[in-house]
Structure formats: C-alpha cells, structure tokens
C-alpha cells in the first residue's frame, strides 16, 4: 500500500489547525505530565520567514 502525504502551508489560526494543535498538546500533556504546549504560541509562526505546515 502506498500512502500519499501532502504538506502545505496553513493558517495557524484556522479551525483545523487549532484542532490539530489541541490534539497534539493533549497527547503530549499526557506523555510528559504538562500542558503539552511546549511553549508554542501561534504568533511565533506569524512573522516574516516563518511557516506553519500541516501534513
């Protein structure tokens, strides 16, 4: 079976992005007994020469 993965820039504040970030943070929080955010702030990727990519 061949799995095709597509990666593309995405608005970090879109509904899909916010959902994915929430799910990742929840999973990481369980694994590392923290809030799971690792200090991520959406504004970090809203500056020139930065990108938020979803695959």
N, C-alpha and C. Protein backbone atom coordinates (compact mmCIF):
# COMPACT_ATOMS: atom_id res chain seq x y z
N UNK A 1 0.84 -1.18 0.00
CA UNK A 1 0.00 0.00 0.00
C UNK A 1 0.89 1.24 0.00
N UNK A 2 0.61 2.17 -0.88
CA UNK A 2 1.34 3.43 -0.96
C UNK A 2 0.50 4.51 -0.29
N UNK A 3 1.10 5.17 0.67
CA UNK A 3 0.43 6.24 1.39
C UNK A 3 0.94 7.57 0.86
N UNK A 4 0.05 8.40 0.39
CA UNK A 4 0.43 9.71 -0.12
C UNK A 4 0.20 10.75 0.97
N UNK A 5 1.25 11.49 1.28
CA UNK A 5 1.16 12.56 2.27
C UNK A 5 1.40 13.88 1.57
N UNK A 6 0.52 14.82 1.83
CA UNK A 6 0.65 16.15 1.26
C UNK A 6 0.90 17.14 2.38
N UNK A 7 1.90 17.98 2.21
CA UNK A 7 2.19 19.02 3.19
C UNK A 7 1.95 20.37 2.52
N UNK A 8 1.33 21.27 3.26
CA UNK A 8 1.02 22.59 2.70
C UNK A 8 0.97 23.63 3.81
N UNK A 9 1.35 24.86 3.48
CA UNK A 9 1.21 25.94 4.46
C UNK A 9 -0.26 26.08 4.88
N UNK A 10 -0.46 26.42 6.13
CA UNK A 10 -1.83 26.54 6.67
C UNK A 10 -1.86 27.71 7.62
N UNK A 11 -2.98 28.38 7.71
CA UNK A 11 -3.17 29.45 8.69
C UNK A 11 -3.20 28.82 10.08
N UNK A 12 -2.29 29.24 10.93
CA UNK A 12 -2.17 28.64 12.26
C UNK A 12 -3.44 28.86 13.10
N UNK A 13 -4.26 29.82 12.71
CA UNK A 13 -5.48 30.11 13.47
C UNK A 13 -6.75 29.55 12.82
N UNK A 14 -6.57 28.72 11.79
CA UNK A 14 -7.75 28.09 11.17
C UNK A 14 -8.34 27.06 12.13
N UNK A 15 -9.58 26.72 11.92
CA UNK A 15 -10.26 25.74 12.78
C UNK A 15 -9.51 24.40 12.78
N UNK A 16 -9.09 23.94 11.60
CA UNK A 16 -8.36 22.67 11.52
C UNK A 16 -7.03 22.73 12.25
N UNK A 17 -6.30 23.83 12.08
CA UNK A 17 -5.01 23.98 12.77
C UNK A 17 -5.20 24.00 14.28
N UNK A 18 -6.17 24.76 14.74
CA UNK A 18 -6.41 24.83 16.18
C UNK A 18 -6.78 23.46 16.74
N UNK A 19 -7.56 22.69 15.99
CA UNK A 19 -7.93 21.34 16.43
C UNK A 19 -6.71 20.43 16.50
N UNK A 20 -5.87 20.47 15.48
CA UNK A 20 -4.66 19.64 15.47
C UNK A 20 -3.71 20.03 16.59
N UNK A 21 -3.54 21.33 16.82
CA UNK A 21 -2.67 21.79 17.91
C UNK A 21 -3.22 21.32 19.26
N UNK A 22 -4.53 21.42 19.44
CA UNK A 22 -5.15 20.99 20.69
C UNK A 22 -4.94 19.49 20.90
N UNK A 23 -5.16 18.69 19.85
CA UNK A 23 -4.99 17.24 19.97
C UNK A 23 -3.54 16.87 20.28
N UNK A 24 -2.59 17.53 19.61
CA UNK A 24 -1.18 17.26 19.88
C UNK A 24 -0.82 17.66 21.30
N UNK A 25 -1.25 18.83 21.74
CA UNK A 25 -0.95 19.29 23.10
C UNK A 25 -1.53 18.35 24.14
N UNK A 26 -2.75 17.85 23.90
CA UNK A 26 -3.38 16.92 24.83
C UNK A 26 -2.55 15.64 24.94
N UNK A 27 -2.14 15.10 23.80
CA UNK A 27 -1.33 13.88 23.79
C UNK A 27 0.02 14.08 24.47
N UNK A 28 0.68 15.18 24.16
CA UNK A 28 1.98 15.47 24.78
C UNK A 28 1.83 15.72 26.28
N UNK A 29 0.74 16.36 26.67
CA UNK A 29 0.49 16.61 28.08
C UNK A 29 0.39 15.33 28.88
N UNK A 30 -0.27 14.33 28.32
CA UNK A 30 -0.39 13.03 28.98
C UNK A 30 0.99 12.36 29.08
N UNK A 31 1.74 12.41 28.00
CA UNK A 31 3.06 11.76 27.98
C UNK A 31 4.06 12.41 28.93
N UNK A 32 4.01 13.74 29.03
CA UNK A 32 5.03 14.47 29.78
C UNK A 32 4.50 15.18 31.02
N UNK A 33 3.28 14.87 31.41
CA UNK A 33 2.68 15.46 32.60
C UNK A 33 2.82 16.99 32.61
N UNK A 34 2.35 17.60 31.53
CA UNK A 34 2.42 19.05 31.40
C UNK A 34 1.19 19.52 30.63
N UNK A 35 1.18 20.80 30.24
CA UNK A 35 0.06 21.27 29.42
C UNK A 35 0.22 20.84 27.97
N UNK A 36 1.39 20.32 27.61
CA UNK A 36 1.62 19.79 26.28
C UNK A 36 1.94 20.81 25.21
N UNK A 37 1.94 22.08 25.56
CA UNK A 37 2.15 23.11 24.55
C UNK A 37 3.62 23.30 24.18
N UNK A 38 4.52 22.89 25.05
CA UNK A 38 5.96 23.08 24.84
C UNK A 38 6.29 24.55 24.55
N UNK A 39 5.46 25.44 25.08
CA UNK A 39 5.70 26.87 24.91
C UNK A 39 5.31 27.40 23.53
N UNK A 40 4.59 26.60 22.75
CA UNK A 40 4.19 27.04 21.41
C UNK A 40 3.17 28.16 21.51
N UNK A 41 3.39 29.21 20.72
CA UNK A 41 2.47 30.33 20.65
C UNK A 41 2.20 30.59 19.16
N UNK A 42 0.94 30.59 18.73
CA UNK A 42 0.64 30.80 17.31
C UNK A 42 1.32 32.02 16.70
N UNK A 43 1.51 33.07 17.47
CA UNK A 43 2.14 34.27 16.93
C UNK A 43 3.60 34.01 16.53
N UNK A 44 4.21 32.94 17.05
CA UNK A 44 5.58 32.60 16.69
C UNK A 44 5.73 32.29 15.20
N UNK A 45 4.66 31.84 14.56
CA UNK A 45 4.74 31.48 13.14
C UNK A 45 4.01 32.50 12.25
N UNK A 46 3.71 33.65 12.82
CA UNK A 46 3.05 34.71 12.06
C UNK A 46 4.00 35.87 11.78
N UNK A 47 5.27 35.57 11.75
CA UNK A 47 6.30 36.57 11.47
C UNK A 47 6.92 36.27 10.12
N UNK A 48 7.58 37.25 9.53
CA UNK A 48 8.24 37.01 8.25
C UNK A 48 9.21 35.82 8.31
N UNK A 49 9.25 35.05 7.24
CA UNK A 49 10.15 33.90 7.09
C UNK A 49 9.80 32.73 7.99
N UNK A 50 8.59 32.69 8.51
CA UNK A 50 8.12 31.56 9.32
C UNK A 50 6.97 30.88 8.56
N UNK A 51 6.74 29.63 8.89
CA UNK A 51 5.64 28.91 8.24
C UNK A 51 5.05 27.91 9.22
N UNK A 52 3.77 27.69 9.08
CA UNK A 52 3.07 26.64 9.81
C UNK A 52 2.59 25.66 8.75
N UNK A 53 3.08 24.45 8.79
CA UNK A 53 2.79 23.47 7.74
C UNK A 53 2.05 22.29 8.33
N UNK A 54 1.02 21.87 7.63
CA UNK A 54 0.22 20.72 8.06
C UNK A 54 0.41 19.63 7.02
N UNK A 55 0.66 18.42 7.50
CA UNK A 55 0.81 17.27 6.59
C UNK A 55 -0.27 16.25 6.87
